């Protein structure tokens, strides 16, 4: 069980978006399975997805059995993103997230988003949920490739301008931990996203279930 004392020392939280704040993993698997069917490849279950998902996304597709060039990956990843955008209105925030975000904001503390999701799509999603005002900085990707976000994380840390020990990143993947480690801040990983608890425990991040965090 986690409580307010776990977060008292932080003045700024950096959130991942996909799988962390928004509950989109089931839809991702559905779209991916449609792509796998067309290639006559084995379909994904939630357990397999959480066991092999990772960044860069090119490596994830290769793990699924896709065999093609980077240009082909660009086409397939663009197709995925177009399907995602067409269906994303069916996804909601994880149940505990809205209260968490508003509580943090109302406490007068700051928070931002750092995501591998395309910037324009990310901003559109925040507006749809009417939560864009809760975030000081919103940093997404320039494209749909999902290459990672360490460089963007370094720039965001500079923009925030607070001591590293006052900042924490909350995500759902080992890559989120890698970003936090690269920029020298603490990391919390949630158990309700893209990777299994077993994989998250390969890191030294603090593993949490947001619904058990009492602020």
N, C-alpha and C. Protein backbone atom coordinates (compact mmCIF):
# COMPACT_ATOMS: atom_id res chain seq x y z
N UNK A 1 0.84 -1.19 0.00
CA UNK A 1 0.00 0.00 0.00
C UNK A 1 0.88 1.25 0.00
N UNK A 2 0.56 2.19 -0.85
CA UNK A 2 1.31 3.44 -0.93
C UNK A 2 0.42 4.58 -0.45
N UNK A 3 1.02 5.59 0.11
CA UNK A 3 0.25 6.74 0.56
C UNK A 3 0.99 8.02 0.21
N UNK A 4 0.47 9.09 0.72
CA UNK A 4 0.99 10.41 0.37
C UNK A 4 2.48 10.56 0.65
N UNK A 5 2.97 9.88 1.67
CA UNK A 5 4.38 10.04 2.05
C UNK A 5 5.32 9.57 0.95
N UNK A 6 4.86 8.67 0.08
CA UNK A 6 5.70 8.18 -1.01
C UNK A 6 6.03 9.30 -2.01
N UNK A 7 5.21 10.35 -2.06
CA UNK A 7 5.35 11.38 -3.08
C UNK A 7 5.64 12.76 -2.50
N UNK A 8 5.73 12.88 -1.19
CA UNK A 8 5.85 14.19 -0.56
C UNK A 8 7.08 14.97 -1.02
N UNK A 9 8.16 14.27 -1.31
CA UNK A 9 9.40 14.99 -1.65
C UNK A 9 9.41 15.53 -3.07
N UNK A 10 8.44 15.12 -3.89
CA UNK A 10 8.43 15.53 -5.29
C UNK A 10 7.60 16.79 -5.50
N UNK A 11 8.11 17.67 -6.34
CA UNK A 11 7.37 18.87 -6.73
C UNK A 11 6.87 18.77 -8.17
N UNK A 12 7.37 17.78 -8.91
CA UNK A 12 6.98 17.65 -10.32
C UNK A 12 6.97 16.17 -10.70
N UNK A 13 5.86 15.72 -11.28
CA UNK A 13 5.75 14.36 -11.79
C UNK A 13 5.73 14.40 -13.31
N UNK A 14 6.46 13.48 -13.93
CA UNK A 14 6.43 13.31 -15.38
C UNK A 14 5.69 12.01 -15.67
N UNK A 15 4.60 12.12 -16.41
CA UNK A 15 3.76 10.96 -16.72
C UNK A 15 4.02 10.45 -18.14
N UNK A 16 4.06 9.14 -18.28
CA UNK A 16 3.88 8.51 -19.58
C UNK A 16 2.38 8.57 -19.90
N UNK A 17 2.03 8.41 -21.15
CA UNK A 17 0.61 8.47 -21.54
C UNK A 17 0.04 7.09 -21.83
N UNK A 18 0.46 6.46 -22.93
CA UNK A 18 -0.15 5.20 -23.36
C UNK A 18 0.13 4.08 -22.38
N UNK A 19 -0.92 3.46 -21.89
CA UNK A 19 -0.77 2.35 -20.95
C UNK A 19 -0.63 2.79 -19.51
N UNK A 20 -0.23 4.03 -19.29
CA UNK A 20 -0.05 4.55 -17.93
C UNK A 20 -1.27 5.35 -17.51
N UNK A 21 -1.55 6.43 -18.22
CA UNK A 21 -2.73 7.23 -17.91
C UNK A 21 -3.96 6.74 -18.67
N UNK A 22 -3.78 6.36 -19.93
CA UNK A 22 -4.93 5.91 -20.71
C UNK A 22 -4.91 4.39 -20.82
N UNK A 23 -6.08 3.80 -20.67
CA UNK A 23 -6.24 2.34 -20.67
C UNK A 23 -6.46 1.88 -22.11
N UNK A 24 -5.38 1.77 -22.88
CA UNK A 24 -5.50 1.46 -24.30
C UNK A 24 -4.85 0.14 -24.70
N UNK A 25 -4.33 -0.61 -23.75
CA UNK A 25 -3.64 -1.85 -24.10
C UNK A 25 -4.57 -2.85 -24.79
N UNK A 26 -5.80 -3.10 -24.30
CA UNK A 26 -6.67 -4.05 -25.01
C UNK A 26 -6.93 -3.65 -26.46
N UNK A 27 -7.14 -2.37 -26.72
CA UNK A 27 -7.36 -1.93 -28.10
C UNK A 27 -6.10 -2.10 -28.93
N UNK A 28 -4.94 -1.81 -28.36
CA UNK A 28 -3.68 -2.02 -29.08
C UNK A 28 -3.54 -3.47 -29.52
N UNK A 29 -3.87 -4.39 -28.63
CA UNK A 29 -3.77 -5.82 -28.95
C UNK A 29 -4.74 -6.18 -30.06
N UNK A 30 -5.94 -5.63 -30.02
CA UNK A 30 -6.93 -5.91 -31.06
C UNK A 30 -6.42 -5.46 -32.44
N UNK A 31 -5.89 -4.25 -32.51
CA UNK A 31 -5.38 -3.75 -33.79
C UNK A 31 -4.17 -4.57 -34.25
N UNK A 32 -3.29 -4.88 -33.31
CA UNK A 32 -2.11 -5.67 -33.65
C UNK A 32 -2.52 -7.04 -34.18
N UNK A 33 -3.52 -7.66 -33.58
CA UNK A 33 -3.95 -8.98 -34.03
C UNK A 33 -4.51 -8.94 -35.44
N UNK A 34 -5.15 -7.86 -35.81
CA UNK A 34 -5.62 -7.72 -37.19
C UNK A 34 -4.43 -7.66 -38.16
N UNK A 35 -3.36 -6.98 -37.76
CA UNK A 35 -2.16 -6.95 -38.59
C UNK A 35 -1.50 -8.33 -38.65
N UNK A 36 -1.46 -9.01 -37.52
CA UNK A 36 -0.85 -10.34 -37.49
C UNK A 36 -1.62 -11.34 -38.34
N UNK A 37 -2.95 -11.25 -38.32
CA UNK A 37 -3.77 -12.15 -39.13
C UNK A 37 -3.44 -12.00 -40.61
N UNK A 38 -3.25 -10.77 -41.06
CA UNK A 38 -2.95 -10.53 -42.47
C UNK A 38 -1.60 -11.11 -42.87
N UNK A 39 -0.70 -11.26 -41.90
CA UNK A 39 0.62 -11.82 -42.17
C UNK A 39 0.69 -13.31 -41.83
N UNK A 40 -0.46 -13.90 -41.45
CA UNK A 40 -0.51 -15.31 -41.04
C UNK A 40 0.45 -15.61 -39.90
N UNK A 41 0.49 -14.69 -38.94
CA UNK A 41 1.34 -14.84 -37.76
C UNK A 41 0.47 -15.08 -36.53
N UNK A 42 1.02 -15.74 -35.50
CA UNK A 42 0.24 -16.04 -34.29
C UNK A 42 -0.28 -14.76 -33.63
N UNK A 43 -1.51 -14.83 -33.14
CA UNK A 43 -2.10 -13.66 -32.50
C UNK A 43 -1.54 -13.45 -31.09
N UNK A 44 -1.72 -12.23 -30.62
CA UNK A 44 -1.27 -11.85 -29.29
C UNK A 44 -2.35 -12.09 -28.25
N UNK A 45 -1.95 -12.55 -27.08
CA UNK A 45 -2.78 -12.49 -25.89
C UNK A 45 -2.24 -11.35 -25.02
N UNK A 46 -2.99 -10.96 -24.01
CA UNK A 46 -2.50 -9.94 -23.10
C UNK A 46 -1.20 -10.38 -22.45
N UNK A 47 -1.14 -11.65 -22.05
CA UNK A 47 0.06 -12.16 -21.37
C UNK A 47 1.27 -12.10 -22.29
N UNK A 48 1.11 -12.48 -23.55
CA UNK A 48 2.25 -12.45 -24.48
C UNK A 48 2.64 -11.01 -24.78
N UNK A 49 1.65 -10.15 -24.96
CA UNK A 49 1.95 -8.74 -25.21
C UNK A 49 2.79 -8.16 -24.07
N UNK A 50 2.37 -8.39 -22.84
CA UNK A 50 3.09 -7.83 -21.70
C UNK A 50 4.46 -8.48 -21.52
N UNK A 51 4.63 -9.66 -22.09
CA UNK A 51 5.92 -10.35 -21.97
C UNK A 51 6.95 -9.87 -22.98
N UNK A 52 6.49 -9.35 -24.14
CA UNK A 52 7.45 -9.02 -25.20
C UNK A 52 7.42 -7.56 -25.64
N UNK A 53 6.41 -6.79 -25.25
CA UNK A 53 6.32 -5.40 -25.71
C UNK A 53 7.52 -4.59 -25.23
N UNK A 54 7.98 -3.69 -26.08
CA UNK A 54 9.08 -2.81 -25.69
C UNK A 54 9.42 -1.82 -26.78
N UNK A 55 10.41 -1.00 -26.49
CA UNK A 55 10.91 0.01 -27.42
C UNK A 55 12.35 -0.31 -27.80
N UNK A 56 12.75 0.02 -29.04
CA UNK A 56 11.94 0.65 -30.08
C UNK A 56 10.87 -0.31 -30.63
N UNK A 57 9.80 0.24 -31.18
CA UNK A 57 8.70 -0.60 -31.65
C UNK A 57 9.12 -1.50 -32.80
N UNK A 58 10.13 -1.11 -33.57
CA UNK A 58 10.63 -1.97 -34.64
C UNK A 58 11.05 -3.32 -34.08
N UNK A 59 11.73 -3.33 -32.95
CA UNK A 59 12.16 -4.59 -32.33
C UNK A 59 10.96 -5.40 -31.86
N UNK A 60 9.92 -4.74 -31.36
CA UNK A 60 8.71 -5.43 -30.93
C UNK A 60 8.05 -6.13 -32.12
N UNK A 61 7.93 -5.44 -33.24
CA UNK A 61 7.35 -6.06 -34.43
C UNK A 61 8.18 -7.25 -34.90
N UNK A 62 9.48 -7.14 -34.83
CA UNK A 62 10.34 -8.25 -35.23
C UNK A 62 10.15 -9.44 -34.30
N UNK A 63 9.96 -9.17 -33.01
CA UNK A 63 9.71 -10.24 -32.04
C UNK A 63 8.40 -10.97 -32.36
N UNK A 64 7.45 -10.25 -32.93
CA UNK A 64 6.17 -10.85 -33.30
C UNK A 64 6.27 -11.71 -34.55
N UNK A 65 7.37 -11.60 -35.28
CA UNK A 65 7.56 -12.42 -36.47
C UNK A 65 7.55 -11.67 -37.77
N UNK A 66 7.34 -10.36 -37.74
CA UNK A 66 7.38 -9.58 -38.97
C UNK A 66 8.81 -9.56 -39.51
N UNK A 67 8.93 -9.70 -40.80
CA UNK A 67 10.25 -9.68 -41.44
C UNK A 67 10.18 -8.74 -42.64
N UNK A 68 10.73 -7.55 -42.43
CA UNK A 68 10.75 -6.58 -43.51
C UNK A 68 11.76 -5.50 -43.22
N UNK A 69 11.88 -4.59 -44.17
CA UNK A 69 12.83 -3.49 -44.04
C UNK A 69 12.25 -2.38 -43.17
N UNK A 70 13.08 -1.39 -42.86
CA UNK A 70 12.61 -0.26 -42.07
C UNK A 70 11.52 0.51 -42.81
N UNK A 71 11.60 0.58 -44.14
CA UNK A 71 10.56 1.28 -44.89
C UNK A 71 9.23 0.55 -44.75
N UNK A 72 9.26 -0.78 -44.74
CA UNK A 72 8.04 -1.55 -44.53
C UNK A 72 7.50 -1.33 -43.12
N UNK A 73 8.41 -1.23 -42.14
CA UNK A 73 7.98 -0.94 -40.78
C UNK A 73 7.27 0.40 -40.71
N UNK A 74 7.78 1.39 -41.42
CA UNK A 74 7.12 2.70 -41.45
C UNK A 74 5.68 2.57 -41.94
N UNK A 75 5.47 1.75 -42.95
CA UNK A 75 4.12 1.58 -43.50
C UNK A 75 3.21 0.89 -42.49
N UNK A 76 3.71 -0.18 -41.87
CA UNK A 76 2.88 -0.94 -40.93
C UNK A 76 2.60 -0.13 -39.67
N UNK A 77 3.59 0.58 -39.17
CA UNK A 77 3.38 1.39 -37.96
C UNK A 77 2.43 2.55 -38.24
N UNK A 78 2.49 3.12 -39.45
CA UNK A 78 1.55 4.17 -39.83
C UNK A 78 0.14 3.61 -39.90
N UNK A 79 0.00 2.42 -40.46
CA UNK A 79 -1.31 1.77 -40.53
C UNK A 79 -1.87 1.55 -39.13
N UNK A 80 -1.00 1.09 -38.21
CA UNK A 80 -1.44 0.89 -36.83
C UNK A 80 -1.93 2.21 -36.23
N UNK A 81 -1.17 3.26 -36.42
CA UNK A 81 -1.53 4.54 -35.82
C UNK A 81 -2.82 5.09 -36.40
N UNK A 82 -3.04 4.89 -37.69
CA UNK A 82 -4.29 5.35 -38.30
C UNK A 82 -5.48 4.61 -37.70
N UNK A 83 -5.33 3.30 -37.49
CA UNK A 83 -6.40 2.53 -36.85
C UNK A 83 -6.60 2.97 -35.41
N UNK A 84 -5.50 3.22 -34.72
CA UNK A 84 -5.58 3.67 -33.33
C UNK A 84 -6.35 4.98 -33.24
N UNK A 85 -6.02 5.92 -34.10
CA UNK A 85 -6.69 7.22 -34.07
C UNK A 85 -8.18 7.09 -34.37
N UNK A 86 -8.53 6.17 -35.26
CA UNK A 86 -9.93 5.98 -35.62
C UNK A 86 -10.74 5.39 -34.48
N UNK A 87 -10.08 4.67 -33.57
CA UNK A 87 -10.79 3.95 -32.52
C UNK A 87 -10.56 4.48 -31.11
N UNK A 88 -9.68 5.45 -30.95
CA UNK A 88 -9.23 5.81 -29.61
C UNK A 88 -10.33 6.38 -28.72
N UNK A 89 -11.41 6.84 -29.32
CA UNK A 89 -12.50 7.38 -28.51
C UNK A 89 -13.13 6.31 -27.63
N UNK A 90 -12.86 5.03 -27.93
CA UNK A 90 -13.38 3.94 -27.11
C UNK A 90 -12.56 3.74 -25.84
N UNK A 91 -11.40 4.39 -25.74
CA UNK A 91 -10.52 4.21 -24.59
C UNK A 91 -10.76 5.32 -23.56
N UNK A 92 -10.59 4.96 -22.31
CA UNK A 92 -10.77 5.92 -21.22
C UNK A 92 -9.50 5.98 -20.38
N UNK A 93 -9.43 6.96 -19.51
CA UNK A 93 -8.34 7.00 -18.54
C UNK A 93 -8.46 5.82 -17.59
N UNK A 94 -7.33 5.33 -17.09
CA UNK A 94 -7.39 4.33 -16.03
C UNK A 94 -8.20 4.90 -14.87
N UNK A 95 -9.03 4.09 -14.23
CA UNK A 95 -10.00 4.61 -13.24
C UNK A 95 -9.40 5.51 -12.17
N UNK A 96 -8.23 5.19 -11.66
CA UNK A 96 -7.67 5.97 -10.55
C UNK A 96 -6.95 7.24 -11.01
N UNK A 97 -6.71 7.37 -12.31
CA UNK A 97 -5.82 8.43 -12.77
C UNK A 97 -6.40 9.82 -12.65
N UNK A 98 -7.67 9.98 -13.00
CA UNK A 98 -8.24 11.33 -12.99
C UNK A 98 -8.17 11.95 -11.59
N UNK A 99 -8.56 11.18 -10.57
CA UNK A 99 -8.49 11.70 -9.20
C UNK A 99 -7.07 12.04 -8.80
N UNK A 100 -6.12 11.16 -9.19
CA UNK A 100 -4.71 11.38 -8.88
C UNK A 100 -4.23 12.69 -9.51
N UNK A 101 -4.53 12.87 -10.79
CA UNK A 101 -4.06 14.06 -11.51
C UNK A 101 -4.63 15.34 -10.90
N UNK A 102 -5.93 15.32 -10.61
CA UNK A 102 -6.56 16.52 -10.06
C UNK A 102 -6.08 16.81 -8.64
N UNK A 103 -5.88 15.77 -7.85
CA UNK A 103 -5.38 15.98 -6.49
C UNK A 103 -4.01 16.63 -6.53
N UNK A 104 -3.14 16.12 -7.37
CA UNK A 104 -1.78 16.67 -7.48
C UNK A 104 -1.83 18.13 -7.93
N UNK A 105 -2.66 18.39 -8.92
CA UNK A 105 -2.81 19.76 -9.45
C UNK A 105 -3.36 20.70 -8.37
N UNK A 106 -4.37 20.25 -7.64
CA UNK A 106 -4.99 21.09 -6.62
C UNK A 106 -4.08 21.31 -5.41
N UNK A 107 -3.08 20.45 -5.26
CA UNK A 107 -2.09 20.65 -4.21
C UNK A 107 -1.07 21.73 -4.59
N UNK A 108 -1.19 22.23 -5.81
CA UNK A 108 -0.28 23.27 -6.27
C UNK A 108 1.03 22.73 -6.80
N UNK A 109 1.09 21.42 -7.04
CA UNK A 109 2.30 20.81 -7.59
C UNK A 109 2.19 20.71 -9.10
N UNK A 110 3.33 20.49 -9.75
CA UNK A 110 3.39 20.50 -11.22
C UNK A 110 3.48 19.08 -11.76
N UNK A 111 3.03 18.92 -13.00
CA UNK A 111 3.16 17.63 -13.68
C UNK A 111 3.22 17.87 -15.18
N UNK A 112 3.86 16.93 -15.87
CA UNK A 112 4.02 17.01 -17.32
C UNK A 112 3.82 15.63 -17.91
N UNK A 113 3.77 15.57 -19.23
CA UNK A 113 3.67 14.30 -19.95
C UNK A 113 4.86 14.16 -20.87
N UNK A 114 5.45 12.96 -20.88
CA UNK A 114 6.53 12.60 -21.80
C UNK A 114 6.12 11.30 -22.48
N UNK A 115 5.87 11.35 -23.77
CA UNK A 115 5.27 10.22 -24.47
C UNK A 115 5.93 9.97 -25.82
N UNK A 116 5.91 8.70 -26.25
CA UNK A 116 6.34 8.34 -27.60
C UNK A 116 5.19 8.45 -28.60
N UNK A 117 4.04 8.90 -28.13
CA UNK A 117 2.85 9.13 -28.96
C UNK A 117 3.03 10.44 -29.72
N UNK A 118 2.59 10.49 -30.96
CA UNK A 118 2.78 11.68 -31.79
C UNK A 118 2.19 12.92 -31.12
N UNK A 119 2.94 14.02 -31.16
CA UNK A 119 2.58 15.24 -30.42
C UNK A 119 1.15 15.70 -30.70
N UNK A 120 0.78 15.83 -31.95
CA UNK A 120 -0.55 16.37 -32.29
C UNK A 120 -1.65 15.45 -31.79
N UNK A 121 -1.43 14.13 -31.88
CA UNK A 121 -2.43 13.18 -31.40
C UNK A 121 -2.54 13.23 -29.88
N UNK A 122 -1.40 13.39 -29.22
CA UNK A 122 -1.38 13.48 -27.76
C UNK A 122 -2.17 14.71 -27.29
N UNK A 123 -1.93 15.84 -27.91
CA UNK A 123 -2.63 17.06 -27.53
C UNK A 123 -4.13 16.92 -27.77
N UNK A 124 -4.51 16.26 -28.85
CA UNK A 124 -5.92 16.03 -29.14
C UNK A 124 -6.56 15.16 -28.06
N UNK A 125 -5.85 14.15 -27.60
CA UNK A 125 -6.38 13.26 -26.56
C UNK A 125 -6.58 14.00 -25.25
N UNK A 126 -5.62 14.83 -24.87
CA UNK A 126 -5.75 15.60 -23.63
C UNK A 126 -6.95 16.54 -23.69
N UNK A 127 -7.17 17.14 -24.85
CA UNK A 127 -8.32 18.03 -25.00
C UNK A 127 -9.63 17.25 -24.92
N UNK A 128 -9.62 16.03 -25.47
CA UNK A 128 -10.83 15.21 -25.42
C UNK A 128 -11.22 14.89 -23.99
N UNK A 129 -10.23 14.64 -23.14
CA UNK A 129 -10.51 14.35 -21.74
C UNK A 129 -10.59 15.62 -20.88
N UNK A 130 -10.34 16.77 -21.49
CA UNK A 130 -10.39 18.06 -20.81
C UNK A 130 -9.44 18.11 -19.61
N UNK A 131 -8.24 17.61 -19.83
CA UNK A 131 -7.24 17.61 -18.76
C UNK A 131 -5.95 18.31 -19.18
N UNK A 132 -5.96 18.98 -20.33
CA UNK A 132 -4.72 19.59 -20.82
C UNK A 132 -4.19 20.65 -19.85
N UNK A 133 -5.09 21.29 -19.11
CA UNK A 133 -4.67 22.36 -18.19
C UNK A 133 -3.93 21.83 -16.97
N UNK A 134 -3.96 20.51 -16.76
CA UNK A 134 -3.30 19.93 -15.59
C UNK A 134 -1.80 19.79 -15.77
N UNK A 135 -1.30 19.97 -17.00
CA UNK A 135 0.10 19.67 -17.31
C UNK A 135 0.86 20.93 -17.73
N UNK A 136 2.04 21.10 -17.14
CA UNK A 136 2.87 22.25 -17.48
C UNK A 136 3.51 22.06 -18.85
N UNK A 137 4.05 20.87 -19.10
CA UNK A 137 4.66 20.56 -20.39
C UNK A 137 4.04 19.28 -20.94
N UNK A 138 3.80 19.25 -22.23
CA UNK A 138 3.30 18.06 -22.92
C UNK A 138 4.27 17.77 -24.05
N UNK A 139 5.02 16.68 -23.92
CA UNK A 139 6.07 16.35 -24.88
C UNK A 139 5.75 15.01 -25.53
N UNK A 140 5.45 15.06 -26.82
CA UNK A 140 5.20 13.86 -27.60
C UNK A 140 6.28 13.67 -28.65
N UNK A 141 6.04 12.71 -29.55
CA UNK A 141 7.01 12.39 -30.59
C UNK A 141 6.69 13.16 -31.87
N UNK A 142 7.70 13.27 -32.72
CA UNK A 142 7.52 13.95 -34.01
C UNK A 142 6.89 13.03 -35.04
N UNK A 143 6.91 11.71 -34.78
CA UNK A 143 6.40 10.76 -35.76
C UNK A 143 5.70 9.61 -35.04
N UNK A 144 5.35 8.56 -35.79
CA UNK A 144 4.59 7.44 -35.25
C UNK A 144 5.46 6.21 -35.02
N UNK A 145 6.77 6.32 -35.10
CA UNK A 145 7.65 5.15 -35.10
C UNK A 145 7.88 4.55 -33.71
N UNK A 146 7.71 5.31 -32.67
CA UNK A 146 7.95 4.78 -31.33
C UNK A 146 9.39 4.40 -31.10
N UNK A 147 10.33 5.30 -31.44
CA UNK A 147 11.75 4.99 -31.32
C UNK A 147 12.28 5.12 -29.90
N UNK A 148 11.57 5.80 -29.02
CA UNK A 148 12.05 6.03 -27.66
C UNK A 148 11.99 7.50 -27.32
N UNK A 149 12.37 7.83 -26.08
CA UNK A 149 12.17 9.22 -25.65
C UNK A 149 13.23 9.71 -24.66
N UNK A 150 14.42 9.17 -24.71
CA UNK A 150 15.47 9.61 -23.79
C UNK A 150 15.90 11.04 -24.11
N UNK A 151 16.13 11.35 -25.38
CA UNK A 151 16.56 12.71 -25.75
C UNK A 151 15.50 13.72 -25.36
N UNK A 152 14.23 13.38 -25.59
CA UNK A 152 13.14 14.28 -25.22
C UNK A 152 13.07 14.45 -23.71
N UNK A 153 13.36 13.37 -22.98
CA UNK A 153 13.36 13.45 -21.52
C UNK A 153 14.44 14.39 -20.99
N UNK A 154 15.59 14.38 -21.61
CA UNK A 154 16.67 15.28 -21.19
C UNK A 154 16.29 16.73 -21.41
N UNK A 155 15.65 17.00 -22.55
CA UNK A 155 15.22 18.38 -22.82
C UNK A 155 14.12 18.81 -21.86
N UNK A 156 13.21 17.89 -21.56
CA UNK A 156 12.13 18.21 -20.63
C UNK A 156 12.67 18.52 -19.25
N UNK A 157 13.64 17.76 -18.80
CA UNK A 157 14.23 18.01 -17.48
C UNK A 157 14.81 19.42 -17.42
N UNK A 158 15.47 19.84 -18.48
CA UNK A 158 16.02 21.20 -18.52
C UNK A 158 14.90 22.24 -18.47
N UNK A 159 13.82 21.99 -19.19
CA UNK A 159 12.70 22.93 -19.21
C UNK A 159 12.04 23.05 -17.84
N UNK A 160 11.91 21.93 -17.14
CA UNK A 160 11.28 21.94 -15.82
C UNK A 160 12.09 22.79 -14.85
N UNK A 161 13.39 22.64 -14.90
CA UNK A 161 14.26 23.51 -14.12
C UNK A 161 14.24 23.31 -12.62
N UNK A 162 13.84 22.14 -12.17
CA UNK A 162 13.84 21.82 -10.75
C UNK A 162 14.96 20.81 -10.47
N UNK A 163 15.43 20.72 -9.22
CA UNK A 163 16.43 19.71 -8.89
C UNK A 163 15.91 18.30 -9.21
N UNK A 164 16.79 17.45 -9.71
CA UNK A 164 16.38 16.11 -10.14
C UNK A 164 15.73 15.32 -9.01
N UNK A 165 16.17 15.54 -7.77
CA UNK A 165 15.61 14.77 -6.65
C UNK A 165 14.17 15.16 -6.34
N UNK A 166 13.68 16.26 -6.93
CA UNK A 166 12.30 16.68 -6.72
C UNK A 166 11.36 16.19 -7.82
N UNK A 167 11.89 15.42 -8.76
CA UNK A 167 11.12 15.01 -9.94
C UNK A 167 11.07 13.48 -10.00
N UNK A 168 9.92 12.95 -10.38
CA UNK A 168 9.79 11.50 -10.58
C UNK A 168 9.02 11.25 -11.87
N UNK A 169 9.33 10.13 -12.51
CA UNK A 169 8.64 9.70 -13.72
C UNK A 169 7.74 8.53 -13.38
N UNK A 170 6.50 8.55 -13.88
CA UNK A 170 5.57 7.44 -13.69
C UNK A 170 5.24 6.86 -15.06
N UNK A 171 5.58 5.59 -15.27
CA UNK A 171 5.34 4.95 -16.55
C UNK A 171 4.90 3.51 -16.38
N UNK A 172 4.94 2.76 -17.49
CA UNK A 172 4.48 1.37 -17.44
C UNK A 172 5.41 0.40 -18.15
N UNK A 173 6.62 0.86 -18.53
CA UNK A 173 7.54 0.00 -19.26
C UNK A 173 8.97 0.15 -18.76
N UNK A 174 9.78 -0.83 -19.10
CA UNK A 174 11.20 -0.76 -18.79
C UNK A 174 11.83 0.46 -19.44
N UNK A 175 11.34 0.84 -20.62
CA UNK A 175 11.90 2.03 -21.27
C UNK A 175 11.64 3.29 -20.45
N UNK A 176 10.51 3.37 -19.78
CA UNK A 176 10.28 4.52 -18.90
C UNK A 176 11.33 4.56 -17.80
N UNK A 177 11.68 3.39 -17.26
CA UNK A 177 12.75 3.34 -16.26
C UNK A 177 14.07 3.77 -16.87
N UNK A 178 14.34 3.32 -18.11
CA UNK A 178 15.59 3.71 -18.78
C UNK A 178 15.67 5.22 -18.97
N UNK A 179 14.54 5.83 -19.29
CA UNK A 179 14.50 7.29 -19.44
C UNK A 179 14.81 7.96 -18.11
N UNK A 180 14.12 7.52 -17.06
CA UNK A 180 14.34 8.11 -15.73
C UNK A 180 15.78 7.95 -15.29
N UNK A 181 16.35 6.77 -15.54
CA UNK A 181 17.74 6.52 -15.17
C UNK A 181 18.69 7.42 -15.95
N UNK A 182 18.40 7.61 -17.24
CA UNK A 182 19.27 8.42 -18.09
C UNK A 182 19.28 9.89 -17.69
N UNK A 183 18.16 10.36 -17.14
CA UNK A 183 18.10 11.78 -16.78
C UNK A 183 18.23 11.99 -15.27
N UNK A 184 18.42 10.89 -14.53
CA UNK A 184 18.78 11.00 -13.12
C UNK A 184 17.65 11.30 -12.17
N UNK A 185 16.44 10.75 -12.46
CA UNK A 185 15.31 10.97 -11.56
C UNK A 185 14.72 9.64 -11.12
N UNK A 186 13.91 9.68 -10.07
CA UNK A 186 13.25 8.47 -9.57
C UNK A 186 12.19 8.00 -10.55
N UNK A 187 11.83 6.72 -10.44
CA UNK A 187 10.85 6.14 -11.36
C UNK A 187 9.87 5.25 -10.60
N UNK A 188 8.59 5.40 -10.94
CA UNK A 188 7.53 4.51 -10.48
C UNK A 188 6.93 3.85 -11.71
N UNK A 189 6.71 2.55 -11.65
CA UNK A 189 6.11 1.83 -12.78
C UNK A 189 4.79 1.21 -12.35
N UNK A 190 3.75 1.42 -13.15
CA UNK A 190 2.42 0.92 -12.82
C UNK A 190 2.21 -0.46 -13.42
N UNK A 191 1.38 -1.24 -12.74
CA UNK A 191 1.20 -2.65 -13.10
C UNK A 191 0.06 -2.87 -14.09
N UNK A 192 -0.59 -1.81 -14.55
CA UNK A 192 -1.80 -1.96 -15.36
C UNK A 192 -1.57 -1.60 -16.82
N UNK A 193 -0.31 -1.64 -17.27
CA UNK A 193 -0.01 -1.17 -18.62
C UNK A 193 0.53 -2.21 -19.56
N UNK A 194 1.57 -1.84 -20.32
CA UNK A 194 2.05 -2.64 -21.44
C UNK A 194 2.98 -3.78 -21.07
N UNK A 195 3.51 -3.80 -19.85
CA UNK A 195 4.46 -4.85 -19.48
C UNK A 195 4.07 -5.49 -18.16
N UNK A 196 4.41 -6.76 -18.02
CA UNK A 196 4.03 -7.53 -16.85
C UNK A 196 4.83 -7.11 -15.62
N UNK A 197 4.28 -7.43 -14.46
CA UNK A 197 4.99 -7.11 -13.22
C UNK A 197 6.34 -7.83 -13.18
N UNK A 198 6.39 -9.04 -13.71
CA UNK A 198 7.65 -9.79 -13.73
C UNK A 198 8.72 -9.01 -14.49
N UNK A 199 8.36 -8.42 -15.63
CA UNK A 199 9.34 -7.64 -16.39
C UNK A 199 9.69 -6.34 -15.69
N UNK A 200 8.70 -5.68 -15.11
CA UNK A 200 8.97 -4.43 -14.42
C UNK A 200 9.93 -4.64 -13.26
N UNK A 201 9.87 -5.80 -12.65
CA UNK A 201 10.75 -6.10 -11.52
C UNK A 201 12.20 -6.33 -11.94
N UNK A 202 12.46 -6.35 -13.24
CA UNK A 202 13.84 -6.41 -13.72
C UNK A 202 14.55 -5.09 -13.47
N UNK A 203 13.79 -4.04 -13.18
CA UNK A 203 14.36 -2.73 -12.91
C UNK A 203 14.42 -2.51 -11.40
N UNK A 204 14.99 -1.38 -11.01
CA UNK A 204 15.00 -0.99 -9.60
C UNK A 204 13.94 0.08 -9.31
N UNK A 205 13.01 0.26 -10.24
CA UNK A 205 11.92 1.22 -10.04
C UNK A 205 10.99 0.74 -8.94
N UNK A 206 10.25 1.66 -8.35
CA UNK A 206 9.20 1.32 -7.39
C UNK A 206 7.96 0.91 -8.17
N UNK A 207 7.45 -0.29 -7.92
CA UNK A 207 6.28 -0.81 -8.63
C UNK A 207 5.03 -0.44 -7.85
N UNK A 208 4.05 0.16 -8.53
CA UNK A 208 2.83 0.59 -7.85
C UNK A 208 1.60 0.22 -8.66
N UNK A 209 0.48 0.12 -7.96
CA UNK A 209 -0.85 0.10 -8.58
C UNK A 209 -1.50 1.42 -8.21
N UNK A 210 -1.84 2.23 -9.20
CA UNK A 210 -2.32 3.58 -8.91
C UNK A 210 -3.56 3.58 -8.03
N UNK A 211 -4.40 2.54 -8.17
CA UNK A 211 -5.62 2.51 -7.37
C UNK A 211 -5.32 2.32 -5.88
N UNK A 212 -4.08 1.91 -5.57
CA UNK A 212 -3.69 1.72 -4.17
C UNK A 212 -2.89 2.89 -3.61
N UNK A 213 -2.75 3.95 -4.41
CA UNK A 213 -2.03 5.12 -3.93
C UNK A 213 -3.02 6.09 -3.31
N UNK A 214 -2.85 6.36 -2.05
CA UNK A 214 -3.75 7.26 -1.33
C UNK A 214 -3.03 8.56 -1.04
N UNK A 215 -3.50 9.63 -1.66
CA UNK A 215 -2.86 10.93 -1.52
C UNK A 215 -3.57 11.79 -0.47
